[in-house]
Amino acid sequence: MFFVKAVILAGGFGKRLKPITDTTPKPLIEICGKPILVRQIEWLRSHGVKDVILCIGFLKEKVIQYVGNGKKLGVHIGYVVEDEPLGTGGAILNAEHLLSNDEHFLVLNGDVLTDLNPQPLVEGLKGYVGALALVPLRSPYGVVYTDGKGVITNFAEKPILQNYWINAGIYCLSPKIFPYLKEKTNIESTAFPELASKGLLKAVHYKDCFWRSIDVHKDIEEVEQELSKLAVLSGK
């Protein structure tokens, strides 16, 4: 267990999940009867995180009404509100006054569900500005396998491609990140490439964990099917 603040970036519009997100903020979309945000907070709490900062914007009142000060979820929740979209980098910068005195802090996108252990991110941060969780790429399509003669030997439905890695949207950052952040920009396309060019980002690979992001309607159904098999995340 370790104790660190966590920032959840939960201010987006969730346009690709309309019409659900016309009235329900994306973090409150239920997966197997439980909102994404609640699952994230429970995951953080299971790893010793007691202080959670929610960066919220669209339909912010509903988020505040649902989780309140966090007491019912066993954590303390603070809020940073953006009156207009700031991007992921701008949202983190907007929370600087709550994070600048911390040695490090976790950041995660508000649409990610996982059971990965964040401790290696904290350990990997030493000597770097940021440590990023990487997970194997899941193919968006089924894959067909053939032999040397062009004969089909097998099919695999959306397999995990173990040799290709993607950004899991979960980071451990130090306050040294703030000079690299600007308002209304995404950290993934601005600060991270600059830090990478300077050798200041650490990759932490997670080969055997559950990780999914909720981006479109089909993801909801697929993730619910997967979670029904994983008691650790399904709440069963």
C-alpha atoms as a PDB file:
ATOM      1  CA  MET A   1       0.000   0.000   0.000  1.00  0.00           C
ATOM      2  CA  PHE A   2       1.073   3.564  -0.576  1.00  0.00           C
ATOM      3  CA  PHE A   3      -0.502   6.929   0.026  1.00  0.00           C
ATOM      4  CA  VAL A   4      -0.626   9.445  -2.783  1.00  0.00           C
ATOM      5  CA  LYS A   5      -3.123  11.834  -4.308  1.00  0.00           C
ATOM      6  CA  ALA A   6      -4.889  10.835  -7.481  1.00  0.00           C
ATOM      7  CA  VAL A   7      -6.357  13.088 -10.149  1.00  0.00           C
ATOM      8  CA  ILE A   8      -9.219  11.805 -12.287  1.00  0.00           C
ATOM      9  CA  LEU A   9      -9.771  13.703 -15.534  1.00  0.00           C
ATOM     10  CA  ALA A  10     -13.550  13.628 -15.758  1.00  0.00           C
ATOM     11  CA  GLY A  11     -14.553  16.840 -17.507  1.00  0.00           C
ATOM     12  CA  GLY A  12     -15.146  15.710 -21.086  1.00  0.00           C
ATOM     13  CA  PHE A  13     -18.376  15.688 -23.076  1.00  0.00           C
ATOM     14  CA  GLY A  14     -18.321  12.014 -24.036  1.00  0.00           C
ATOM     15  CA  LYS A  15     -19.615  12.872 -27.520  1.00  0.00           C
ATOM     16  CA  ARG A  16     -19.133   9.364 -28.890  1.00  0.00           C
ATOM     17  CA  LEU A  17     -21.463   8.015 -26.203  1.00  0.00           C
ATOM     18  CA  LYS A  18     -24.446  10.171 -27.065  1.00  0.00           C
ATOM     19  CA  PRO A  19     -27.371  10.128 -26.377  1.00  0.00           C
ATOM     20  CA  ILE A  20     -26.425   8.637 -22.985  1.00  0.00           C
ATOM     21  CA  THR A  21     -24.121  11.558 -22.257  1.00  0.00           C
ATOM     22  CA  ASP A  22     -26.745  14.153 -23.087  1.00  0.00           C
ATOM     23  CA  THR A  23     -28.039  13.707 -19.542  1.00  0.00           C
ATOM     24  CA  THR A  24     -25.433  11.503 -17.830  1.00  0.00           C
ATOM     25  CA  PRO A  25     -21.797  12.579 -17.501  1.00  0.00           C
ATOM     26  CA  LYS A  26     -19.460   9.928 -18.900  1.00  0.00           C
ATOM     27  CA  PRO A  27     -17.893   9.080 -15.496  1.00  0.00           C
ATOM     28  CA  LEU A  28     -21.338   8.149 -14.167  1.00  0.00           C
ATOM     29  CA  ILE A  29     -22.174   5.689 -16.942  1.00  0.00           C
ATOM     30  CA  GLU A  30     -22.884   2.392 -15.234  1.00  0.00           C
ATOM     31  CA  ILE A  31     -20.899  -0.737 -16.025  1.00  0.00           C
ATOM     32  CA  CYS A  32     -22.485  -3.852 -14.495  1.00  0.00           C
ATOM     33  CA  GLY A  33     -24.636  -1.617 -12.309  1.00  0.00           C
ATOM     34  CA  LYS A  34     -21.833   0.592 -10.985  1.00  0.00           C
ATOM     35  CA  PRO A  35     -20.591   3.949 -12.383  1.00  0.00           C
ATOM     36  CA  ILE A  36     -17.157   4.078 -13.985  1.00  0.00           C
ATOM     37  CA  LEU A  37     -16.103   6.751 -11.487  1.00  0.00           C
ATOM     38  CA  VAL A  38     -17.075   4.648  -8.483  1.00  0.00           C
ATOM     39  CA  ARG A  39     -15.118   1.689  -9.839  1.00  0.00           C
ATOM     40  CA  GLN A  40     -12.085   3.923 -10.317  1.00  0.00           C
ATOM     41  CA  ILE A  41     -12.282   5.308  -6.790  1.00  0.00           C
ATOM     42  CA  GLU A  42     -12.658   1.827  -5.321  1.00  0.00           C
ATOM     43  CA  TRP A  43      -9.605   0.692  -7.292  1.00  0.00           C
ATOM     44  CA  LEU A  44      -7.568   3.665  -6.060  1.00  0.00           C
ATOM     45  CA  ARG A  45      -8.686   3.098  -2.481  1.00  0.00           C
ATOM     46  CA  SER A  46      -7.643  -0.563  -2.671  1.00  0.00           C
ATOM     47  CA  HIS A  47      -4.102   0.684  -3.319  1.00  0.00           C
ATOM     48  CA  GLY A  48      -4.057   3.060  -0.394  1.00  0.00           C
ATOM     49  CA  VAL A  49      -5.117   6.270  -2.136  1.00  0.00           C
ATOM     50  CA  LYS A  50      -7.155   8.399   0.263  1.00  0.00           C
ATOM     51  CA  ASP A  51      -7.286  11.766  -1.539  1.00  0.00           C
ATOM     52  CA  VAL A  52      -8.917  12.053  -4.958  1.00  0.00           C
ATOM     53  CA  ILE A  53      -9.164  15.217  -7.033  1.00  0.00           C
ATOM     54  CA  LEU A  54     -11.864  15.266  -9.697  1.00  0.00           C
ATOM     55  CA  CYS A  55     -11.339  17.581 -12.653  1.00  0.00           C
ATOM     56  CA  ILE A  56     -14.886  18.129 -13.840  1.00  0.00           C
ATOM     57  CA  GLY A  57     -16.741  20.329 -16.289  1.00  0.00           C
ATOM     58  CA  PHE A  58     -19.662  19.017 -18.343  1.00  0.00           C
ATOM     59  CA  LEU A  59     -22.670  18.127 -16.140  1.00  0.00           C
ATOM     60  CA  LYS A  60     -20.444  18.761 -13.124  1.00  0.00           C
ATOM     61  CA  GLU A  61     -23.384  19.176 -10.765  1.00  0.00           C
ATOM     62  CA  LYS A  62     -24.425  15.560 -11.298  1.00  0.00           C
ATOM     63  CA  VAL A  63     -20.936  14.292 -10.490  1.00  0.00           C
ATOM     64  CA  ILE A  64     -20.775  16.344  -7.297  1.00  0.00           C
ATOM     65  CA  GLN A  65     -24.254  15.251  -6.278  1.00  0.00           C
ATOM     66  CA  TYR A  66     -23.422  11.578  -6.787  1.00  0.00           C
ATOM     67  CA  VAL A  67     -20.061  11.234  -5.026  1.00  0.00           C
ATOM     68  CA  GLY A  68     -20.092  14.303  -2.747  1.00  0.00           C
ATOM     69  CA  ASN A  69     -17.077  14.593  -0.463  1.00  0.00           C
ATOM     70  CA  GLY A  70     -16.197  10.933  -0.972  1.00  0.00           C
ATOM     71  CA  LYS A  71     -17.004   9.804   2.563  1.00  0.00           C
ATOM     72  CA  LYS A  72     -19.390   7.075   1.426  1.00  0.00           C
ATOM     73  CA  LEU A  73     -16.623   5.705  -0.802  1.00  0.00           C
ATOM     74  CA  GLY A  74     -13.964   5.790   1.911  1.00  0.00           C
ATOM     75  CA  VAL A  75     -11.894   8.630   0.419  1.00  0.00           C
ATOM     76  CA  HIS A  76     -11.688  12.402   0.515  1.00  0.00           C
ATOM     77  CA  ILE A  77     -12.744  14.043  -2.748  1.00  0.00           C
ATOM     78  CA  GLY A  78     -11.841  17.547  -3.850  1.00  0.00           C
ATOM     79  CA  TYR A  79     -12.980  19.253  -7.034  1.00  0.00           C
ATOM     80  CA  VAL A  80     -11.385  21.419  -9.676  1.00  0.00           C
ATOM     81  CA  VAL A  81     -13.976  22.834 -12.037  1.00  0.00           C
ATOM     82  CA  GLU A  82     -13.311  23.970 -15.582  1.00  0.00           C
ATOM     83  CA  ASP A  83     -15.817  26.423 -17.042  1.00  0.00           C
ATOM     84  CA  GLU A  84     -14.677  25.546 -20.566  1.00  0.00           C
ATOM     85  CA  PRO A  85     -12.817  22.528 -21.956  1.00  0.00           C
ATOM     86  CA  LEU A  86      -9.129  22.758 -21.011  1.00  0.00           C
ATOM     87  CA  GLY A  87      -7.788  19.515 -22.460  1.00  0.00           C
ATOM     88  CA  THR A  88      -6.012  16.924 -20.348  1.00  0.00           C
ATOM     89  CA  GLY A  89      -2.921  19.077 -19.903  1.00  0.00           C
ATOM     90  CA  GLY A  90      -4.944  22.159 -19.037  1.00  0.00           C
ATOM     91  CA  ALA A  91      -7.044  20.214 -16.555  1.00  0.00           C
ATOM     92  CA  ILE A  92      -3.952  19.012 -14.678  1.00  0.00           C
ATOM     93  CA  LEU A  93      -2.508  22.525 -14.736  1.00  0.00           C
ATOM     94  CA  ASN A  94      -5.799  23.784 -13.310  1.00  0.00           C
ATOM     95  CA  ALA A  95      -5.207  21.538 -10.276  1.00  0.00           C
ATOM     96  CA  GLU A  96      -1.624  22.712  -9.689  1.00  0.00           C
ATOM     97  CA  HIS A  97      -2.518  24.525  -6.459  1.00  0.00           C
ATOM     98  CA  LEU A  98      -3.599  21.192  -4.946  1.00  0.00           C
ATOM     99  CA  LEU A  99      -0.608  19.186  -6.172  1.00  0.00           C
ATOM    100  CA  SER A 100       2.500  21.386  -6.251  1.00  0.00           C
ATOM    101  CA  ASN A 101       3.608  20.420  -2.731  1.00  0.00           C
ATOM    102  CA  ASP A 102       3.343  16.676  -3.354  1.00  0.00           C
ATOM    103  CA  GLU A 103       6.339  14.553  -4.235  1.00  0.00           C
ATOM    104  CA  HIS A 104       4.251  12.759  -6.844  1.00  0.00           C
ATOM    105  CA  PHE A 105       0.639  12.099  -7.789  1.00  0.00           C
ATOM    106  CA  LEU A 106      -1.355   9.726  -9.960  1.00  0.00           C
ATOM    107  CA  VAL A 107      -3.376  10.887 -12.952  1.00  0.00           C
ATOM    108  CA  LEU A 108      -5.925   8.794 -14.828  1.00  0.00           C
ATOM    109  CA  ASN A 109      -8.424   9.381 -17.579  1.00  0.00           C
ATOM    110  CA  GLY A 110     -12.025   9.240 -16.458  1.00  0.00           C
ATOM    111  CA  ASP A 111     -12.994   6.471 -18.871  1.00  0.00           C
ATOM    112  CA  VAL A 112     -10.470   3.797 -17.876  1.00  0.00           C
ATOM    113  CA  LEU A 113     -11.216   0.605 -15.967  1.00  0.00           C
ATOM    114  CA  THR A 114      -8.300  -1.489 -14.750  1.00  0.00           C
ATOM    115  CA  ASP A 115      -6.940  -3.663 -11.976  1.00  0.00           C
ATOM    116  CA  LEU A 116      -3.271  -2.842 -12.554  1.00  0.00           C
ATOM    117  CA  ASN A 117      -1.066  -2.153  -9.551  1.00  0.00           C
ATOM    118  CA  PRO A 118       0.034   1.532  -9.618  1.00  0.00           C
ATOM    119  CA  GLN A 119       2.935   0.953  -7.225  1.00  0.00           C
ATOM    120  CA  PRO A 120       5.440   0.277 -10.067  1.00  0.00           C
ATOM    121  CA  LEU A 121       4.529   3.682 -11.514  1.00  0.00           C
ATOM    122  CA  VAL A 122       5.545   5.372  -8.277  1.00  0.00           C
ATOM    123  CA  GLU A 123       8.781   3.391  -8.177  1.00  0.00           C
ATOM    124  CA  GLY A 124       9.441   4.075 -11.862  1.00  0.00           C
ATOM    125  CA  LEU A 125       9.123   7.832 -11.425  1.00  0.00           C
ATOM    126  CA  LYS A 126      12.475   8.169  -9.646  1.00  0.00           C
ATOM    127  CA  GLY A 127      14.717  10.358 -11.781  1.00  0.00           C
ATOM    128  CA  TYR A 128      11.943  11.178 -14.256  1.00  0.00           C
ATOM    129  CA  VAL A 129       9.191  13.781 -14.604  1.00  0.00           C
ATOM    130  CA  GLY A 130       6.559  11.183 -15.406  1.00  0.00           C
ATOM    131  CA  ALA A 131       5.988   7.436 -15.487  1.00  0.00           C
ATOM    132  CA  LEU A 132       3.389   6.117 -17.916  1.00  0.00           C
ATOM    133  CA  ALA A 133       1.509   2.830 -17.715  1.00  0.00           C
ATOM    134  CA  LEU A 134       1.640   0.933 -20.993  1.00  0.00           C
ATOM    135  CA  VAL A 135      -0.605  -1.999 -21.869  1.00  0.00           C
ATOM    136  CA  PRO A 136      -0.555  -4.353 -24.876  1.00  0.00           C
ATOM    137  CA  LEU A 137      -2.550  -3.217 -27.885  1.00  0.00           C
ATOM    138  CA  ARG A 138      -5.840  -5.010 -28.425  1.00  0.00           C
ATOM    139  CA  SER A 139      -6.534  -5.506 -32.106  1.00  0.00           C
ATOM    140  CA  PRO A 140      -9.794  -3.794 -33.146  1.00  0.00           C
ATOM    141  CA  TYR A 141     -10.351  -6.609 -35.633  1.00  0.00           C
ATOM    142  CA  GLY A 142     -10.240 -10.360 -35.721  1.00  0.00           C
ATOM    143  CA  VAL A 143      -6.924 -11.805 -36.926  1.00  0.00           C
ATOM    144  CA  VAL A 144      -6.505 -14.607 -39.458  1.00  0.00           C
ATOM    145  CA  TYR A 145      -3.457 -16.876 -39.191  1.00  0.00           C
ATOM    146  CA  THR A 146      -1.981 -18.700 -42.169  1.00  0.00           C
ATOM    147  CA  ASP A 147       0.876 -21.113 -42.763  1.00  0.00           C
ATOM    148  CA  GLY A 148       3.773 -20.717 -45.181  1.00  0.00           C
ATOM    149  CA  LYS A 149       1.628 -21.996 -48.060  1.00  0.00           C
ATOM    150  CA  GLY A 150      -1.139 -19.462 -47.565  1.00  0.00           C
ATOM    151  CA  VAL A 151      -3.514 -21.937 -45.956  1.00  0.00           C
ATOM    152  CA  ILE A 152      -5.655 -20.537 -43.137  1.00  0.00           C
ATOM    153  CA  THR A 153      -4.848 -22.301 -39.871  1.00  0.00           C
ATOM    154  CA  ASN A 154      -6.733 -20.346 -37.226  1.00  0.00           C
ATOM    155  CA  PHE A 155      -8.813 -17.302 -36.332  1.00  0.00           C
ATOM    156  CA  ALA A 156      -8.527 -15.053 -33.269  1.00  0.00           C
ATOM    157  CA  GLU A 157     -11.183 -12.529 -32.311  1.00  0.00           C
ATOM    158  CA  LYS A 158      -9.588  -9.171 -31.388  1.00  0.00           C
ATOM    159  CA  PRO A 159      -6.444 -10.672 -29.822  1.00  0.00           C
ATOM    160  CA  ILE A 160      -3.997  -8.842 -27.588  1.00  0.00           C
ATOM    161  CA  LEU A 161      -0.931  -7.896 -29.639  1.00  0.00           C
ATOM    162  CA  GLN A 162       1.838  -8.447 -27.116  1.00  0.00           C
ATOM    163  CA  ASN A 163       4.565  -6.771 -29.166  1.00  0.00           C
ATOM    164  CA  TYR A 164       2.753  -3.419 -29.437  1.00  0.00           C
ATOM    165  CA  TRP A 165       2.155  -1.092 -26.513  1.00  0.00           C
ATOM    166  CA  ILE A 166      -0.305   1.755 -25.968  1.00  0.00           C
ATOM    167  CA  ASN A 167      -0.705   4.542 -23.455  1.00  0.00           C
ATOM    168  CA  ALA A 168      -3.060   3.269 -20.731  1.00  0.00           C
ATOM    169  CA  GLY A 169      -4.085   6.777 -19.654  1.00  0.00           C
ATOM    170  CA  ILE A 170      -2.663   6.225 -16.163  1.00  0.00           C
ATOM    171  CA  TYR A 171       0.381   8.209 -15.031  1.00  0.00           C
ATOM    172  CA  CYS A 172       2.489   9.012 -12.013  1.00  0.00           C
ATOM    173  CA  LEU A 173       3.779  12.578 -12.299  1.00  0.00           C
ATOM    174  CA  SER A 174       5.979  14.872 -10.260  1.00  0.00           C
ATOM    175  CA  PRO A 175       5.337  18.619  -9.849  1.00  0.00           C
ATOM    176  CA  LYS A 176       8.123  19.144 -12.398  1.00  0.00           C
ATOM    177  CA  ILE A 177       5.426  18.489 -15.004  1.00  0.00           C
ATOM    178  CA  PHE A 178       3.713  21.849 -14.504  1.00  0.00           C
ATOM    179  CA  PRO A 179       6.128  24.048 -16.522  1.00  0.00           C
ATOM    180  CA  TYR A 180       5.426  21.778 -19.501  1.00  0.00           C
ATOM    181  CA  LEU A 181       1.655  22.198 -19.318  1.00  0.00           C
ATOM    182  CA  LYS A 182      -0.435  24.808 -21.075  1.00  0.00           C
ATOM    183  CA  GLU A 183      -4.133  25.617 -20.965  1.00  0.00           C
ATOM    184  CA  LYS A 184      -6.430  24.103 -23.545  1.00  0.00           C
ATOM    185  CA  THR A 185      -3.939  21.463 -24.641  1.00  0.00           C
ATOM    186  CA  ASN A 186      -3.702  17.704 -24.251  1.00  0.00           C
ATOM    187  CA  ILE A 187      -0.761  16.380 -22.275  1.00  0.00           C
ATOM    188  CA  GLU A 188      -0.455  13.432 -24.654  1.00  0.00           C
ATOM    189  CA  SER A 189       0.256  15.598 -27.711  1.00  0.00           C
ATOM    190  CA  THR A 190       2.242  18.444 -26.137  1.00  0.00           C
ATOM    191  CA  ALA A 191       4.029  17.838 -22.832  1.00  0.00           C
ATOM    192  CA  PHE A 192       4.688  14.122 -23.278  1.00  0.00           C
ATOM    193  CA  PRO A 193       6.423  14.385 -26.674  1.00  0.00           C
ATOM    194  CA  GLU A 194       8.597  17.218 -25.338  1.00  0.00           C
ATOM    195  CA  LEU A 195       9.515  15.246 -22.228  1.00  0.00           C
ATOM    196  CA  ALA A 196      10.185  12.137 -24.307  1.00  0.00           C
ATOM    197  CA  SER A 197      12.612  14.077 -26.490  1.00  0.00           C
ATOM    198  CA  LYS A 198      14.537  14.912 -23.311  1.00  0.00           C
ATOM    199  CA  GLY A 199      14.492  11.385 -21.926  1.00  0.00           C
ATOM    200  CA  LEU A 200      12.324  12.392 -18.962  1.00  0.00           C
ATOM    201  CA  LEU A 201       9.516   9.849 -19.278  1.00  0.00           C
ATOM    202  CA  LYS A 202       9.612   6.318 -17.915  1.00  0.00           C
ATOM    203  CA  ALA A 203       7.587   3.448 -19.402  1.00  0.00           C
ATOM    204  CA  VAL A 204       6.083   0.873 -17.053  1.00  0.00           C
ATOM    205  CA  HIS A 205       4.795  -2.174 -18.931  1.00  0.00           C
ATOM    206  CA  TYR A 206       1.781  -4.125 -17.691  1.00  0.00           C
ATOM    207  CA  LYS A 207       1.469  -7.479 -19.442  1.00  0.00           C
ATOM    208  CA  ASP A 208      -1.090  -9.315 -17.331  1.00  0.00           C
ATOM    209  CA  CYS A 209      -3.730  -6.896 -16.118  1.00  0.00           C
ATOM    210  CA  PHE A 210      -7.288  -5.994 -16.993  1.00  0.00           C
ATOM    211  CA  TRP A 211      -7.498  -2.691 -18.857  1.00  0.00           C
ATOM    212  CA  ARG A 212     -10.256  -1.215 -20.966  1.00  0.00           C
ATOM    213  CA  SER A 213     -11.379   2.289 -21.860  1.00  0.00           C
ATOM    214  CA  ILE A 214     -15.018   3.212 -22.429  1.00  0.00           C
ATOM    215  CA  ASP A 215     -15.034   5.219 -25.646  1.00  0.00           C
ATOM    216  CA  VAL A 216     -18.069   4.111 -27.670  1.00  0.00           C
ATOM    217  CA  HIS A 217     -21.330   2.244 -27.053  1.00  0.00           C
ATOM    218  CA  LYS A 218     -19.893  -1.119 -28.063  1.00  0.00           C
ATOM    219  CA  ASP A 219     -17.271  -0.806 -25.319  1.00  0.00           C
ATOM    220  CA  ILE A 220     -19.962  -0.799 -22.643  1.00  0.00           C
ATOM    221  CA  GLU A 221     -21.355  -4.157 -23.739  1.00  0.00           C
ATOM    222  CA  GLU A 222     -17.925  -5.719 -24.242  1.00  0.00           C
ATOM    223  CA  VAL A 223     -16.584  -4.543 -20.897  1.00  0.00           C
ATOM    224  CA  GLU A 224     -19.674  -5.742 -19.061  1.00  0.00           C
ATOM    225  CA  GLN A 225     -19.151  -9.197 -20.561  1.00  0.00           C
ATOM    226  CA  GLU A 226     -15.507  -9.197 -19.494  1.00  0.00           C
ATOM    227  CA  LEU A 227     -16.198  -7.873 -15.997  1.00  0.00           C
ATOM    228  CA  SER A 228     -18.809 -10.530 -15.382  1.00  0.00           C
ATOM    229  CA  LYS A 229     -15.895 -12.972 -15.424  1.00  0.00           C
ATOM    230  CA  LEU A 230     -13.664 -10.908 -13.115  1.00  0.00           C
ATOM    231  CA  ALA A 231     -14.909 -10.847  -9.529  1.00  0.00           C
ATOM    232  CA  VAL A 232     -12.242  -8.311  -8.537  1.00  0.00           C
ATOM    233  CA  LEU A 233     -13.842  -5.664 -10.758  1.00  0.00           C
ATOM    234  CA  SER A 234     -17.410  -6.860 -11.150  1.00  0.00           C
ATOM    235  CA  GLY A 235     -18.261  -6.301  -7.504  1.00  0.00           C
ATOM    236  CA  LYS A 236     -19.438  -9.894  -7.133  1.00  0.00           C
END
